[in-house]
Amino acid sequence: MSPEGRGIARDHPPTGHTFRILHVSTGNVCRSPITERLTRHALTHRLGGAAATGLIVESAGTWGHEGAPMEANAAAVLADFGADASGFTGRELLDEHVIRADLVLTATRDHRAQVISMGHSAGLRTFTLKEFTRLVRAIDPATLPPLDDGVAARARALVRAAAALRGWLLAPSADADEVYDPYGAPITFFRSIGDEIHQALDPVVTALTGVTEPR
């Protein structure tokens, strides 16, 4: 446990100039590490290191392999996108991770249900990744605070707007909000999952930063 994680007693996410994103999958060695590091890479690429410091991106697993390295194929996928896989270690999802998070993005609906069942008023800030992408696409960026107000303020407004839309903008199919587990699969399947995650993250990062991906 990191020092900043000790002694937390809040049942709601923190406020202030920092916004914390938590990615959740099962083992925290494939999907959520890919999503975490692609998110970090995209934010830094669009905002620059200094501007992106208000956004903290982490990951954990509902059956996390505590201390385990990222799967080699997951690291290879990150390399394909120019993202950094170094220094990663798996974590089991704990109450403190949910308490600290301003936004929880899960790989599947089952993961979302598990996070919400932990309590801590997590329901309004927990989505599957693809669900959040769908909702974000429907939000007019002009209704969000400008980046000059701080990236954390913009991110919190985005989460509130997405939560308000959730009951109105439903998934087109039962599988539409799922990112399937590539654990044990060949690199070709890992790459297809990496592409799915990258495509789902693009509109989210654009909405968070107000900066589109350079072409």
Foldseek 3Di string as FASTA:
>chain_A
DDPVLPPDDALAADDDQAAEEEEEEAAQQAQRLLLQQLLVVLLCVFQNDVQCVSYHGYYAHCNYPFFQAHPPLRCVLCVVVVTDRPPDGYHHDDPSVQLHHLAYEYQAPVRQVVSVVSHSPNNLRYAHLQLLLQLLVVDDLVPFDACVVHLNRRLNVSSNSSSVCDVPDDDPDNCRRHQDDCVPHDSVSSNVSSVVSSVSCQSVSCSSHVGHDDD
